Amino acid sequence: MPILSVYDDTHGRGVCRSCLAAIVWYELTSGKRHPFDGEPVYVRTRRDADGRLVAEIDTSVSPSHFQTCKDAALWRRK
């Protein structure tokens, strides 16, 4: 089960520039931004060393938009 850890306080709504689907952006704990289709379901939450709420998201339940966008290959970095 692929799990992504995101900061709960970083989510925002947007639209995919390729397929125009509604997406929700989160900042991963690695610092990168990541899009999801709809509001993701948290598997569990925890506090990091700075006290920020970190949510763990199972991408098999809450798909990453990178997995579902028909134009995803156009956005991949080489």
N, C-alpha and C. Protein backbone atom coordinates (compact mmCIF):
# COMPACT_ATOMS: atom_id res chain seq x y z
N MET A 1 0.84 -1.16 0.00
CA MET A 1 0.00 0.00 0.00
C MET A 1 0.90 1.24 0.00
N PRO A 2 0.89 2.01 -1.10
CA PRO A 2 1.74 3.21 -1.18
C PRO A 2 1.17 4.34 -0.32
N ILE A 3 1.96 4.78 0.65
CA ILE A 3 1.54 5.81 1.59
C ILE A 3 2.34 7.09 1.31
N LEU A 4 1.64 8.23 1.26
CA LEU A 4 2.30 9.53 1.15
C LEU A 4 2.02 10.30 2.43
N SER A 5 3.04 10.96 2.97
CA SER A 5 2.89 11.79 4.16
C SER A 5 2.82 13.25 3.73
N VAL A 6 1.75 13.92 4.16
CA VAL A 6 1.52 15.32 3.78
C VAL A 6 1.29 16.17 5.02
N TYR A 7 1.57 17.47 4.90
CA TYR A 7 1.24 18.40 5.97
C TYR A 7 -0.23 18.78 5.81
N ASP A 8 -1.00 18.59 6.87
CA ASP A 8 -2.43 18.85 6.83
C ASP A 8 -2.76 20.31 6.58
N ASP A 9 -1.90 21.22 7.01
CA ASP A 9 -2.20 22.65 6.88
C ASP A 9 -1.81 23.26 5.54
N THR A 10 -1.51 22.43 4.54
CA THR A 10 -1.03 22.96 3.25
C THR A 10 -1.97 22.71 2.09
N HIS A 11 -3.16 22.17 2.32
CA HIS A 11 -4.00 21.81 1.19
C HIS A 11 -4.68 23.03 0.57
N GLY A 12 -4.88 22.91 -0.74
CA GLY A 12 -5.56 23.95 -1.49
C GLY A 12 -6.17 23.36 -2.74
N ARG A 13 -7.18 23.99 -3.24
CA ARG A 13 -7.87 23.48 -4.44
C ARG A 13 -7.29 24.10 -5.69
N GLY A 14 -7.41 23.35 -6.79
CA GLY A 14 -6.92 23.82 -8.07
C GLY A 14 -7.54 23.04 -9.21
N VAL A 15 -7.04 23.30 -10.40
CA VAL A 15 -7.51 22.62 -11.60
C VAL A 15 -6.28 22.16 -12.38
N CYS A 16 -6.30 20.93 -12.86
CA CYS A 16 -5.20 20.40 -13.66
C CYS A 16 -5.10 21.22 -14.95
N ARG A 17 -3.89 21.68 -15.28
CA ARG A 17 -3.70 22.49 -16.48
C ARG A 17 -3.84 21.69 -17.77
N SER A 18 -3.81 20.37 -17.69
CA SER A 18 -3.94 19.54 -18.89
C SER A 18 -5.36 19.06 -19.12
N CYS A 19 -5.91 18.35 -18.13
CA CYS A 19 -7.22 17.70 -18.33
C CYS A 19 -8.37 18.49 -17.69
N LEU A 20 -8.04 19.58 -16.98
CA LEU A 20 -9.02 20.47 -16.35
C LEU A 20 -9.83 19.81 -15.23
N ALA A 21 -9.32 18.72 -14.68
CA ALA A 21 -9.98 18.06 -13.54
C ALA A 21 -9.75 18.87 -12.28
N ALA A 22 -10.72 18.84 -11.37
CA ALA A 22 -10.56 19.47 -10.06
C ALA A 22 -9.57 18.63 -9.25
N ILE A 23 -8.60 19.29 -8.63
CA ILE A 23 -7.59 18.60 -7.83
C ILE A 23 -7.42 19.32 -6.50
N VAL A 24 -6.84 18.61 -5.54
CA VAL A 24 -6.50 19.18 -4.24
C VAL A 24 -4.99 19.01 -4.07
N TRP A 25 -4.30 20.13 -3.83
CA TRP A 25 -2.85 20.11 -3.65
C TRP A 25 -2.50 19.99 -2.17
N TYR A 26 -1.45 19.23 -1.88
CA TYR A 26 -0.87 19.14 -0.54
C TYR A 26 0.64 19.24 -0.67
N GLU A 27 1.28 19.68 0.40
CA GLU A 27 2.73 19.65 0.45
C GLU A 27 3.14 18.36 1.14
N LEU A 28 3.99 17.58 0.47
CA LEU A 28 4.54 16.37 1.07
C LEU A 28 5.54 16.76 2.15
N THR A 29 5.82 15.86 3.06
CA THR A 29 6.81 16.14 4.09
C THR A 29 8.21 16.31 3.50
N SER A 30 8.40 15.88 2.25
CA SER A 30 9.67 16.07 1.56
C SER A 30 9.81 17.49 1.03
N GLY A 31 8.71 18.27 1.06
CA GLY A 31 8.74 19.64 0.56
C GLY A 31 8.14 19.81 -0.82
N LYS A 32 7.89 18.72 -1.54
CA LYS A 32 7.30 18.81 -2.87
C LYS A 32 5.78 18.94 -2.76
N ARG A 33 5.17 19.56 -3.77
CA ARG A 33 3.71 19.66 -3.82
C ARG A 33 3.16 18.46 -4.60
N HIS A 34 1.97 18.00 -4.21
CA HIS A 34 1.41 16.79 -4.80
C HIS A 34 -0.10 16.94 -4.99
N PRO A 35 -0.63 16.60 -6.19
CA PRO A 35 -2.07 16.72 -6.45
C PRO A 35 -2.82 15.41 -6.20
N PHE A 36 -4.04 15.54 -5.68
CA PHE A 36 -4.93 14.40 -5.47
C PHE A 36 -6.25 14.66 -6.17
N ASP A 37 -6.90 13.59 -6.60
CA ASP A 37 -8.25 13.69 -7.15
C ASP A 37 -9.22 13.74 -5.98
N GLY A 38 -9.84 14.88 -5.76
CA GLY A 38 -10.77 15.01 -4.64
C GLY A 38 -10.05 15.07 -3.32
N GLU A 39 -10.82 15.13 -2.26
CA GLU A 39 -10.26 15.22 -0.90
C GLU A 39 -9.77 13.84 -0.47
N PRO A 40 -8.47 13.69 -0.20
CA PRO A 40 -7.95 12.37 0.17
C PRO A 40 -8.42 11.92 1.56
N VAL A 41 -8.42 10.61 1.74
CA VAL A 41 -8.80 10.00 3.02
C VAL A 41 -7.52 9.72 3.80
N TYR A 42 -7.47 10.22 5.04
CA TYR A 42 -6.30 9.99 5.88
C TYR A 42 -6.35 8.59 6.48
N VAL A 43 -5.22 7.89 6.42
CA VAL A 43 -5.09 6.58 7.07
C VAL A 43 -4.83 6.78 8.56
N ARG A 44 -3.95 7.74 8.86
CA ARG A 44 -3.65 8.09 10.25
C ARG A 44 -3.02 9.48 10.25
N THR A 45 -2.97 10.09 11.41
CA THR A 45 -2.31 11.38 11.56
C THR A 45 -1.34 11.31 12.72
N ARG A 46 -0.39 12.21 12.70
CA ARG A 46 0.61 12.28 13.78
C ARG A 46 1.17 13.70 13.79
N ARG A 47 1.88 14.04 14.82
CA ARG A 47 2.57 15.33 14.91
C ARG A 47 4.05 15.11 14.64
N ASP A 48 4.66 16.01 13.85
CA ASP A 48 6.09 15.90 13.63
C ASP A 48 6.84 16.61 14.77
N ALA A 49 8.15 16.68 14.69
CA ALA A 49 8.96 17.26 15.76
C ALA A 49 8.66 18.73 15.99
N ASP A 50 8.16 19.43 14.95
CA ASP A 50 7.81 20.85 15.08
C ASP A 50 6.37 21.06 15.53
N GLY A 51 5.63 19.97 15.72
CA GLY A 51 4.24 20.07 16.16
C GLY A 51 3.23 20.18 15.03
N ARG A 52 3.68 20.11 13.78
CA ARG A 52 2.75 20.18 12.65
C ARG A 52 2.04 18.85 12.49
N LEU A 53 0.76 18.93 12.10
CA LEU A 53 -0.03 17.73 11.88
C LEU A 53 0.34 17.13 10.52
N VAL A 54 0.77 15.87 10.53
CA VAL A 54 1.14 15.14 9.33
C VAL A 54 0.08 14.07 9.10
N ALA A 55 -0.48 14.04 7.90
CA ALA A 55 -1.47 13.03 7.54
C ALA A 55 -0.83 12.03 6.60
N GLU A 56 -1.15 10.77 6.80
CA GLU A 56 -0.67 9.72 5.90
C GLU A 56 -1.84 9.31 5.01
N ILE A 57 -1.59 9.31 3.70
CA ILE A 57 -2.63 9.04 2.71
C ILE A 57 -2.26 7.81 1.91
N ASP A 58 -3.18 6.87 1.83
CA ASP A 58 -3.02 5.64 1.04
C ASP A 58 -3.47 5.95 -0.38
N THR A 59 -2.54 5.95 -1.34
CA THR A 59 -2.89 6.32 -2.71
C THR A 59 -3.69 5.24 -3.45
N SER A 60 -3.83 4.06 -2.86
CA SER A 60 -4.70 3.06 -3.49
C SER A 60 -6.17 3.36 -3.17
N VAL A 61 -6.42 4.15 -2.11
CA VAL A 61 -7.77 4.56 -1.72
C VAL A 61 -8.06 5.97 -2.23
N SER A 62 -7.09 6.85 -2.10
CA SER A 62 -7.20 8.25 -2.53
C SER A 62 -6.16 8.48 -3.61
N PRO A 63 -6.54 8.33 -4.89
CA PRO A 63 -5.54 8.36 -5.95
C PRO A 63 -4.86 9.71 -6.13
N SER A 64 -3.58 9.62 -6.40
CA SER A 64 -2.82 10.78 -6.80
C SER A 64 -3.27 11.16 -8.20
N HIS A 65 -3.34 12.45 -8.49
CA HIS A 65 -3.73 12.85 -9.84
C HIS A 65 -2.66 12.44 -10.85
N PHE A 66 -1.43 12.25 -10.39
CA PHE A 66 -0.38 11.75 -11.27
C PHE A 66 -0.72 10.35 -11.81
N GLN A 67 -1.50 9.58 -11.06
CA GLN A 67 -1.89 8.23 -11.47
C GLN A 67 -3.06 8.24 -12.45
N THR A 68 -3.92 9.26 -12.38
CA THR A 68 -5.17 9.22 -13.14
C THR A 68 -5.23 10.19 -14.31
N CYS A 69 -4.37 11.19 -14.35
CA CYS A 69 -4.42 12.18 -15.43
C CYS A 69 -4.00 11.55 -16.75
N LYS A 70 -4.81 11.76 -17.76
CA LYS A 70 -4.49 11.18 -19.07
C LYS A 70 -3.24 11.83 -19.69
N ASP A 71 -2.88 13.00 -19.22
CA ASP A 71 -1.71 13.72 -19.74
C ASP A 71 -0.51 13.69 -18.80
N ALA A 72 -0.50 12.78 -17.84
CA ALA A 72 0.55 12.74 -16.82
C ALA A 72 1.94 12.65 -17.42
N ALA A 73 2.10 11.92 -18.49
CA ALA A 73 3.42 11.74 -19.10
C ALA A 73 4.02 13.07 -19.60
N LEU A 74 3.16 13.99 -19.95
CA LEU A 74 3.64 15.29 -20.43
C LEU A 74 4.30 16.11 -19.32
N TRP A 75 3.96 15.84 -18.07
CA TRP A 75 4.44 16.61 -16.93
C TRP A 75 5.59 15.95 -16.20
N ARG A 76 5.94 14.73 -16.55
CA ARG A 76 7.03 14.04 -15.85
C ARG A 76 8.36 14.68 -16.16
N ARG A 77 9.15 14.85 -15.11
CA ARG A 77 10.50 15.40 -15.31
C ARG A 77 11.41 14.27 -15.75
N LYS A 78 12.32 14.60 -16.61
CA LYS A 78 13.23 13.59 -17.15
C LYS A 78 14.46 13.45 -16.31
